[in-house]
Amino acid sequence: MKRHGFHGLRASHGVERKHRSPGSIGACATPGRVFKGVRMAGRMGSVRYTVQNLTVQAIDPENNLLLVRGAIPGPAGALVLVRTAAKAKPKGGAAK
């Protein structure tokens, strides 16, 4: 729904468990198929992810490695931009 801006089906009048569905995706016997380009469910993505306040543990220039404490999103071998933190870490840790 968010990906394509669908409004979904109504909340009443005979609709059962299909409120977030796109509705019909094509006709019946003719043409007997779904046309190309019909907007369907899928992955939203291709956006930049920012992870804040990870610490650089070590730098290994011989092997061209940067050791970072924490998880970095993305596939293996992807390009990573490292810069100084925009926000300071909370002192004493945040209460959960």
N, C-alpha and C. Protein backbone atom coordinates (compact mmCIF):
# COMPACT_ATOMS: atom_id res chain seq x y z
N MET A 1 0.83 -1.18 0.00
CA MET A 1 0.00 0.00 0.00
C MET A 1 0.88 1.25 0.00
N LYS A 2 1.89 1.25 0.84
CA LYS A 2 2.76 2.42 0.92
C LYS A 2 3.58 2.57 -0.35
N ARG A 3 3.99 1.46 -0.93
CA ARG A 3 4.88 1.48 -2.09
C ARG A 3 4.24 2.17 -3.28
N HIS A 4 2.95 1.89 -3.53
CA HIS A 4 2.29 2.42 -4.72
C HIS A 4 1.18 3.41 -4.41
N GLY A 5 0.92 3.67 -3.14
CA GLY A 5 -0.12 4.63 -2.80
C GLY A 5 -1.52 4.06 -2.93
N PHE A 6 -1.67 2.75 -2.79
CA PHE A 6 -3.00 2.15 -2.86
C PHE A 6 -3.81 2.54 -1.63
N HIS A 7 -5.11 2.67 -1.80
CA HIS A 7 -5.98 3.01 -0.68
C HIS A 7 -6.51 1.77 0.03
N GLY A 8 -6.45 0.62 -0.62
CA GLY A 8 -6.96 -0.60 -0.02
C GLY A 8 -8.46 -0.71 -0.19
N LEU A 9 -9.01 -1.77 0.32
CA LEU A 9 -10.45 -2.01 0.21
C LEU A 9 -11.16 -1.45 1.43
N ARG A 10 -12.48 -1.34 1.34
CA ARG A 10 -13.24 -0.73 2.42
C ARG A 10 -13.26 -1.60 3.66
N ALA A 11 -13.64 -1.02 4.76
CA ALA A 11 -13.58 -1.70 6.05
C ALA A 11 -14.81 -2.57 6.30
N SER A 12 -15.85 -2.41 5.51
CA SER A 12 -17.07 -3.18 5.74
C SER A 12 -17.69 -3.54 4.39
N HIS A 13 -18.96 -3.87 4.39
CA HIS A 13 -19.73 -4.22 3.19
C HIS A 13 -19.15 -5.45 2.50
N GLY A 14 -18.94 -6.52 3.26
CA GLY A 14 -18.60 -7.80 2.66
C GLY A 14 -17.13 -8.07 2.44
N VAL A 15 -16.26 -7.16 2.80
CA VAL A 15 -14.83 -7.39 2.60
C VAL A 15 -14.29 -8.16 3.79
N GLU A 16 -13.69 -9.33 3.52
CA GLU A 16 -13.16 -10.17 4.58
C GLU A 16 -11.67 -10.41 4.37
N ARG A 17 -10.85 -9.96 5.32
CA ARG A 17 -9.41 -10.24 5.35
C ARG A 17 -8.68 -9.80 4.08
N LYS A 18 -9.16 -8.78 3.40
CA LYS A 18 -8.48 -8.32 2.19
C LYS A 18 -8.34 -6.80 2.17
N HIS A 19 -8.31 -6.19 3.34
CA HIS A 19 -8.37 -4.73 3.40
C HIS A 19 -7.12 -4.07 2.83
N ARG A 20 -5.99 -4.75 2.88
CA ARG A 20 -4.75 -4.16 2.38
C ARG A 20 -4.37 -4.65 0.99
N SER A 21 -5.23 -5.41 0.34
CA SER A 21 -4.92 -5.94 -0.99
C SER A 21 -5.16 -4.87 -2.05
N PRO A 22 -4.53 -5.00 -3.22
CA PRO A 22 -4.72 -4.00 -4.27
C PRO A 22 -6.04 -4.13 -5.00
N GLY A 23 -6.76 -5.21 -4.78
CA GLY A 23 -8.00 -5.43 -5.53
C GLY A 23 -7.72 -6.29 -6.75
N SER A 24 -8.45 -6.07 -7.82
CA SER A 24 -8.27 -6.86 -9.03
C SER A 24 -6.99 -6.47 -9.74
N ILE A 25 -6.30 -7.45 -10.34
CA ILE A 25 -5.08 -7.14 -11.08
C ILE A 25 -5.26 -7.35 -12.58
N GLY A 26 -6.46 -7.75 -12.99
CA GLY A 26 -6.70 -7.92 -14.42
C GLY A 26 -8.10 -8.41 -14.69
N ALA A 27 -8.37 -8.67 -15.96
CA ALA A 27 -9.69 -9.13 -16.38
C ALA A 27 -9.80 -10.64 -16.20
N CYS A 28 -10.82 -11.25 -16.79
CA CYS A 28 -11.08 -12.67 -16.59
C CYS A 28 -10.57 -13.48 -17.78
N ALA A 29 -11.46 -14.03 -18.59
CA ALA A 29 -11.05 -14.93 -19.67
C ALA A 29 -10.31 -14.18 -20.77
N THR A 30 -10.73 -12.99 -21.06
CA THR A 30 -10.04 -12.19 -22.07
C THR A 30 -9.42 -11.00 -21.37
N PRO A 31 -8.15 -10.80 -21.39
CA PRO A 31 -7.10 -11.44 -22.16
C PRO A 31 -6.52 -12.70 -21.51
N GLY A 32 -6.98 -13.09 -20.33
CA GLY A 32 -6.51 -14.34 -19.72
C GLY A 32 -5.11 -14.25 -19.16
N ARG A 33 -4.64 -13.06 -18.92
CA ARG A 33 -3.30 -12.89 -18.36
C ARG A 33 -3.27 -11.55 -17.63
N VAL A 34 -2.19 -11.31 -16.95
CA VAL A 34 -2.00 -10.03 -16.27
C VAL A 34 -1.02 -9.22 -17.11
N PHE A 35 -1.37 -8.01 -17.44
CA PHE A 35 -0.53 -7.18 -18.28
C PHE A 35 0.76 -6.78 -17.56
N LYS A 36 1.79 -6.49 -18.34
CA LYS A 36 3.05 -6.03 -17.78
C LYS A 36 2.86 -4.70 -17.09
N GLY A 37 3.61 -4.48 -16.03
CA GLY A 37 3.59 -3.19 -15.37
C GLY A 37 2.52 -3.03 -14.31
N VAL A 38 1.76 -4.10 -14.01
CA VAL A 38 0.75 -4.00 -12.95
C VAL A 38 1.48 -3.87 -11.62
N ARG A 39 1.14 -2.87 -10.86
CA ARG A 39 1.84 -2.60 -9.61
C ARG A 39 1.42 -3.62 -8.55
N MET A 40 2.41 -4.32 -8.03
CA MET A 40 2.14 -5.38 -7.06
C MET A 40 3.07 -5.21 -5.85
N ALA A 41 2.90 -6.09 -4.90
CA ALA A 41 3.73 -6.05 -3.70
C ALA A 41 5.17 -6.36 -4.05
N GLY A 42 6.07 -5.85 -3.28
CA GLY A 42 7.49 -6.09 -3.50
C GLY A 42 8.30 -5.36 -2.46
N ARG A 43 9.59 -5.26 -2.73
CA ARG A 43 10.48 -4.64 -1.77
C ARG A 43 10.64 -3.16 -2.08
N MET A 44 10.56 -2.36 -1.03
CA MET A 44 10.92 -0.95 -1.16
C MET A 44 12.36 -0.85 -0.71
N GLY A 45 13.12 -0.05 -1.40
CA GLY A 45 14.51 0.04 -0.98
C GLY A 45 15.29 1.00 -1.83
N SER A 46 16.55 0.68 -2.04
CA SER A 46 17.49 1.51 -2.78
C SER A 46 17.63 2.87 -2.11
N VAL A 47 17.71 2.85 -0.80
CA VAL A 47 17.87 4.09 -0.05
C VAL A 47 19.14 4.00 0.78
N ARG A 48 19.63 5.14 1.21
CA ARG A 48 20.84 5.18 2.02
C ARG A 48 20.49 4.92 3.48
N TYR A 49 21.28 4.10 4.13
CA TYR A 49 21.11 3.83 5.56
C TYR A 49 22.23 4.49 6.32
N THR A 50 21.89 5.16 7.41
CA THR A 50 22.89 5.80 8.25
C THR A 50 22.89 5.12 9.61
N VAL A 51 24.04 4.62 10.01
CA VAL A 51 24.21 4.02 11.33
C VAL A 51 25.13 4.94 12.10
N GLN A 52 24.68 5.40 13.26
CA GLN A 52 25.42 6.41 13.99
C GLN A 52 26.21 5.81 15.15
N ASN A 53 27.31 6.48 15.45
CA ASN A 53 28.13 6.22 16.64
C ASN A 53 28.73 4.81 16.70
N LEU A 54 29.13 4.27 15.56
CA LEU A 54 29.93 3.05 15.58
C LEU A 54 31.38 3.45 15.81
N THR A 55 32.12 2.62 16.50
CA THR A 55 33.50 2.96 16.80
C THR A 55 34.45 2.20 15.89
N VAL A 56 35.49 2.88 15.44
CA VAL A 56 36.54 2.25 14.64
C VAL A 56 37.52 1.61 15.61
N GLN A 57 37.62 0.29 15.55
CA GLN A 57 38.48 -0.45 16.48
C GLN A 57 39.94 -0.44 16.04
N ALA A 58 40.16 -0.66 14.74
CA ALA A 58 41.54 -0.72 14.24
C ALA A 58 41.55 -0.44 12.75
N ILE A 59 42.72 -0.02 12.27
CA ILE A 59 42.93 0.21 10.84
C ILE A 59 44.12 -0.64 10.43
N ASP A 60 43.93 -1.46 9.37
CA ASP A 60 44.99 -2.32 8.86
C ASP A 60 45.31 -1.88 7.43
N PRO A 61 46.29 -0.98 7.25
CA PRO A 61 46.57 -0.48 5.90
C PRO A 61 47.18 -1.53 4.98
N GLU A 62 47.87 -2.53 5.54
CA GLU A 62 48.49 -3.55 4.69
C GLU A 62 47.43 -4.37 3.96
N ASN A 63 46.37 -4.75 4.68
CA ASN A 63 45.29 -5.54 4.07
C ASN A 63 44.11 -4.68 3.63
N ASN A 64 44.25 -3.36 3.76
CA ASN A 64 43.20 -2.43 3.34
C ASN A 64 41.90 -2.70 4.09
N LEU A 65 42.01 -2.82 5.43
CA LEU A 65 40.85 -3.13 6.26
C LEU A 65 40.60 -2.03 7.28
N LEU A 66 39.33 -1.82 7.57
CA LEU A 66 38.90 -0.91 8.62
C LEU A 66 37.99 -1.73 9.53
N LEU A 67 38.41 -1.96 10.77
CA LEU A 67 37.63 -2.78 11.69
C LEU A 67 36.70 -1.89 12.50
N VAL A 68 35.40 -2.15 12.37
CA VAL A 68 34.37 -1.33 13.01
C VAL A 68 33.62 -2.19 14.00
N ARG A 69 33.35 -1.65 15.18
CA ARG A 69 32.57 -2.38 16.19
C ARG A 69 31.09 -2.09 15.95
N GLY A 70 30.35 -3.12 15.56
CA GLY A 70 28.92 -2.97 15.29
C GLY A 70 28.58 -3.45 13.89
N ALA A 71 27.31 -3.47 13.60
CA ALA A 71 26.81 -3.97 12.32
C ALA A 71 26.74 -2.85 11.30
N ILE A 72 27.14 -3.18 10.07
CA ILE A 72 27.04 -2.24 8.96
C ILE A 72 26.10 -2.85 7.94
N PRO A 73 24.99 -2.18 7.59
CA PRO A 73 24.04 -2.76 6.65
C PRO A 73 24.59 -2.76 5.23
N GLY A 74 24.10 -3.71 4.44
CA GLY A 74 24.50 -3.77 3.04
C GLY A 74 25.17 -5.09 2.71
N PRO A 75 25.34 -5.36 1.41
CA PRO A 75 25.97 -6.60 0.99
C PRO A 75 27.48 -6.58 1.24
N ALA A 76 28.08 -7.75 1.21
CA ALA A 76 29.53 -7.85 1.39
C ALA A 76 30.22 -7.19 0.21
N GLY A 77 31.25 -6.42 0.50
CA GLY A 77 32.01 -5.75 -0.55
C GLY A 77 31.40 -4.44 -1.01
N ALA A 78 30.36 -3.97 -0.34
CA ALA A 78 29.72 -2.72 -0.74
C ALA A 78 30.54 -1.52 -0.27
N LEU A 79 30.31 -0.39 -0.90
CA LEU A 79 30.99 0.84 -0.54
C LEU A 79 30.41 1.40 0.75
N VAL A 80 31.29 1.82 1.66
CA VAL A 80 30.86 2.35 2.96
C VAL A 80 31.51 3.71 3.15
N LEU A 81 30.70 4.69 3.53
CA LEU A 81 31.20 6.03 3.83
C LEU A 81 31.34 6.15 5.35
N VAL A 82 32.54 6.48 5.81
CA VAL A 82 32.81 6.61 7.24
C VAL A 82 33.15 8.07 7.51
N ARG A 83 32.50 8.66 8.49
CA ARG A 83 32.79 10.05 8.87
C ARG A 83 32.60 10.21 10.37
N THR A 84 32.99 11.34 10.88
CA THR A 84 32.86 11.59 12.31
C THR A 84 31.39 11.68 12.68
N ALA A 85 31.09 11.38 13.94
CA ALA A 85 29.70 11.32 14.38
C ALA A 85 29.07 12.71 14.37
N ALA A 86 27.82 12.78 13.91
CA ALA A 86 27.09 14.04 13.88
C ALA A 86 26.52 14.36 15.25
N LYS A 87 26.19 13.31 16.01
CA LYS A 87 25.62 13.48 17.34
C LYS A 87 26.52 12.77 18.34
N ALA A 88 26.67 13.36 19.51
CA ALA A 88 27.50 12.76 20.55
C ALA A 88 26.75 11.60 21.19
N LYS A 89 27.50 10.62 21.66
CA LYS A 89 26.89 9.51 22.38
C LYS A 89 26.31 10.00 23.70
N PRO A 90 25.19 9.45 24.16
CA PRO A 90 24.65 9.86 25.46
C PRO A 90 25.58 9.40 26.58
N LYS A 91 25.81 10.28 27.53
CA LYS A 91 26.71 9.95 28.64
C LYS A 91 26.00 9.06 29.64
N GLY A 92 26.67 7.99 30.06
CA GLY A 92 26.11 7.09 31.05
C GLY A 92 25.14 6.08 30.48
N GLY A 93 24.86 6.13 29.20
CA GLY A 93 23.94 5.17 28.58
C GLY A 93 22.50 5.57 28.78
N ALA A 94 21.69 5.25 27.81
CA ALA A 94 20.26 5.60 27.88
C ALA A 94 19.52 4.57 28.72
N ALA A 95 18.61 5.01 29.54
CA ALA A 95 17.79 4.11 30.36
C ALA A 95 16.71 3.49 29.50
N LYS A 96 16.57 2.17 29.58
CA LYS A 96 15.58 1.50 28.74
C LYS A 96 14.44 0.99 29.58
